[in-house]
């Protein structure tokens, strides 16, 4: 059975839907319905605010792709930011009830296509190393652990870690 979907670029006005999707995928009880989340690592239910999404959507270096199913529902999204000669991939989110159906893979493939379309040869991302199943998923798709470690942001903007955490940087290089 072929699943019909399309990847479209998010627009101003999509902030309420995107914030609900992202926050539900990362935090709180709803996130626990999915196969991977941060709900047990970081307290709070907010991963991103509508105001922060507005800032992203108004940034010319940012593209947010939405996964729209055949019925018009947005079941996933990913934020892509051009940072010099690299594309930063963040907030890859799939509705917890729709995970393990190929949506994340489609978003990742769409991100890689976007990178090729804008002439970027490297995608990077930050992942909490305690999310071993997620890192393994990315590694199966060609991403490597660079060994670079980044601090988790201080303050409560992204939630409060329940234990000391940091990010590891994953990377995939393309040669066109």
Protein backbone atom coordinates (compact mmCIF):
# COMPACT_ATOMS: atom_id res chain seq x y z
CA UNK A 1 0.00 0.00 0.00
CA UNK A 2 1.39 3.39 -1.01
CA UNK A 3 0.84 6.22 1.43
CA UNK A 4 0.03 9.47 -0.31
CA UNK A 5 1.66 12.53 1.20
CA UNK A 6 3.38 15.74 0.29
CA UNK A 7 6.10 17.82 1.85
CA UNK A 8 5.28 21.51 1.82
CA UNK A 9 6.98 24.57 3.26
CA UNK A 10 5.41 26.00 6.41
CA UNK A 11 4.07 29.53 6.20
CA UNK A 12 3.25 32.29 8.71
CA UNK A 13 -0.01 31.28 10.34
CA UNK A 14 1.14 27.68 10.82
CA UNK A 15 2.60 28.44 14.26
CA UNK A 16 -0.30 27.09 16.40
CA UNK A 17 -0.41 23.78 14.55
CA UNK A 18 3.39 23.43 14.46
CA UNK A 19 3.88 24.24 18.14
CA UNK A 20 1.24 21.68 19.14
CA UNK A 21 2.81 19.02 16.90
CA UNK A 22 6.39 19.67 18.06
CA UNK A 23 5.54 19.98 21.75
CA UNK A 24 3.45 16.79 21.65
CA UNK A 25 6.24 14.89 19.88
CA UNK A 26 8.96 15.94 22.33
CA UNK A 27 7.40 16.47 25.75
CA UNK A 28 4.61 15.54 28.11
CA UNK A 29 2.38 12.50 28.32
CA UNK A 30 1.37 12.51 24.66
CA UNK A 31 5.03 12.19 23.62
CA UNK A 32 5.23 8.93 25.59
CA UNK A 33 2.89 7.33 23.01
CA UNK A 34 5.71 7.50 20.46
CA UNK A 35 8.83 5.38 20.20
CA UNK A 36 11.26 8.20 21.02
CA UNK A 37 10.84 11.41 23.02
CA UNK A 38 12.44 13.66 25.63
CA UNK A 39 9.57 13.55 28.11
CA UNK A 40 11.55 11.54 30.68
CA UNK A 41 14.74 13.58 30.22
CA UNK A 42 13.44 17.15 30.31
CA UNK A 43 10.61 18.50 32.46
CA UNK A 44 7.86 20.70 31.11
CA UNK A 45 5.55 20.42 28.15
CA UNK A 46 7.00 23.16 25.95
CA UNK A 47 9.74 22.48 23.41
CA UNK A 48 8.97 25.59 21.36
CA UNK A 49 6.60 28.55 21.56
CA UNK A 50 4.51 30.07 18.80
CA UNK A 51 6.59 33.26 19.10
CA UNK A 52 9.81 31.29 18.52
CA UNK A 53 8.21 29.63 15.49
CA UNK A 54 7.23 33.04 14.14
CA UNK A 55 10.88 34.10 14.41
CA UNK A 56 11.96 30.96 12.55
CA UNK A 57 9.36 31.41 9.80
CA UNK A 58 10.51 35.01 9.31
CA UNK A 59 14.18 33.99 9.02
CA UNK A 60 15.30 33.78 5.38
CA UNK A 61 17.84 31.07 6.31
CA UNK A 62 15.15 28.77 7.75
CA UNK A 63 12.79 26.38 6.00
CA UNK A 64 10.28 24.30 7.92
CA UNK A 65 8.95 21.34 5.95
CA UNK A 66 5.55 19.89 6.85
CA UNK A 67 4.45 16.32 6.10
CA UNK A 68 0.84 16.51 4.94
CA UNK A 69 -1.11 13.27 4.52
CA UNK A 70 -3.70 12.60 1.81
CA UNK A 71 -6.43 13.96 4.08
CA UNK A 72 -4.64 17.28 4.58
CA UNK A 73 -3.44 16.58 8.13
CA UNK A 74 0.03 17.70 9.15
CA UNK A 75 1.60 14.66 10.82
CA UNK A 76 5.21 15.81 10.96
CA UNK A 77 7.69 18.61 10.40
CA UNK A 78 11.38 19.42 10.39
CA UNK A 79 13.24 22.71 10.75
CA UNK A 80 16.18 23.33 8.41
CA UNK A 81 18.52 26.27 8.89
CA UNK A 82 21.32 27.26 6.55
CA UNK A 83 24.36 27.98 8.74
CA UNK A 84 27.21 29.12 6.53
CA UNK A 85 27.99 26.06 4.37
CA UNK A 86 26.02 23.53 6.44
CA UNK A 87 22.34 22.79 6.87
CA UNK A 88 21.29 22.41 10.50
CA UNK A 89 18.45 19.91 10.91
CA UNK A 90 16.38 20.35 14.07
CA UNK A 91 13.02 19.57 15.61
CA UNK A 92 12.25 16.60 13.38
CA UNK A 93 8.82 15.84 14.80
CA UNK A 94 6.20 13.20 14.07
CA UNK A 95 2.83 13.03 15.78
CA UNK A 96 3.27 10.33 18.46
CA UNK A 97 0.20 8.42 17.25
CA UNK A 98 1.63 8.35 13.71
CA UNK A 99 5.20 7.28 14.47
CA UNK A 100 6.82 4.17 12.96
CA UNK A 101 4.95 4.68 9.66
CA UNK A 102 7.79 6.16 7.58
CA UNK A 103 6.96 9.81 8.21
CA UNK A 104 10.29 10.58 9.88
CA UNK A 105 12.13 8.87 7.04
CA UNK A 106 10.17 10.92 4.47
CA UNK A 107 11.02 14.13 6.36
CA UNK A 108 14.68 13.17 6.53
CA UNK A 109 14.75 12.38 2.80
CA UNK A 110 13.01 15.68 2.10
CA UNK A 111 15.62 17.47 4.21
CA UNK A 112 18.41 15.86 2.22
CA UNK A 113 16.70 16.80 -1.05
CA UNK A 114 16.40 20.39 0.21
CA UNK A 115 20.13 20.38 1.04
CA UNK A 116 20.97 19.22 -2.49
CA UNK A 117 18.61 21.81 -4.00
CA UNK A 118 20.38 24.67 -2.24
CA UNK A 119 23.85 23.24 -2.91
CA UNK A 120 24.76 22.28 0.64
CA UNK A 121 26.97 19.22 1.09
CA UNK A 122 26.70 18.74 4.88
CA UNK A 123 23.76 18.30 7.25
CA UNK A 124 24.39 18.54 10.98
CA UNK A 125 22.14 18.01 13.97
CA UNK A 126 22.35 17.98 17.76
CA UNK A 127 20.97 14.94 19.60
CA UNK A 128 20.93 14.13 23.31
CA UNK A 129 23.21 11.07 23.57
CA UNK A 130 20.85 9.39 26.06
CA UNK A 131 18.42 8.99 23.12
CA UNK A 132 20.36 5.98 21.87
CA UNK A 133 17.48 4.57 19.79
CA UNK A 134 17.18 7.86 17.93
CA UNK A 135 20.92 8.09 17.29
CA UNK A 136 20.86 4.51 15.97
CA UNK A 137 17.98 5.46 13.64
CA UNK A 138 20.00 8.37 12.21
CA UNK A 139 23.12 6.22 11.92
CA UNK A 140 21.20 3.66 9.84
CA UNK A 141 20.50 6.54 7.46
CA UNK A 142 24.16 7.53 7.08
CA UNK A 143 24.65 10.07 9.86
CA UNK A 144 27.82 9.76 11.91
CA UNK A 145 28.70 10.86 15.43
CA UNK A 146 31.35 13.57 14.97
CA UNK A 147 32.58 13.33 18.56
CA UNK A 148 31.71 17.01 19.00
CA UNK A 149 29.79 17.79 22.20
CA UNK A 150 27.61 20.89 22.66
CA UNK A 151 26.11 22.13 25.93
CA UNK A 152 22.37 21.97 26.52
CA UNK A 153 21.00 25.54 26.64
CA UNK A 154 20.78 27.02 30.12
CA UNK A 155 17.57 28.50 31.45
CA UNK A 156 14.02 27.24 31.23
CA UNK A 157 13.31 28.19 27.61
CA UNK A 158 13.74 24.58 26.43
CA UNK A 159 12.65 22.87 29.66
CA UNK A 160 14.65 21.84 32.67
CA UNK A 161 16.81 18.71 32.34
CA UNK A 162 16.06 16.05 34.95
CA UNK A 163 19.76 15.13 34.93
CA UNK A 164 22.91 16.66 33.43
CA UNK A 165 22.63 16.43 29.64
CA UNK A 166 24.41 17.72 26.57
CA UNK A 167 24.22 17.27 22.81
CA UNK A 168 26.32 15.19 20.48
CA UNK A 169 26.68 16.41 16.90
CA UNK A 170 25.69 14.05 14.09
CA UNK A 171 26.65 14.79 10.50
CA UNK A 172 26.05 13.50 6.99
CA UNK A 173 28.17 14.63 4.06
CA UNK A 174 26.95 14.57 0.48
CA UNK A 175 29.02 14.53 -2.66
CA UNK A 176 26.94 15.48 -5.65
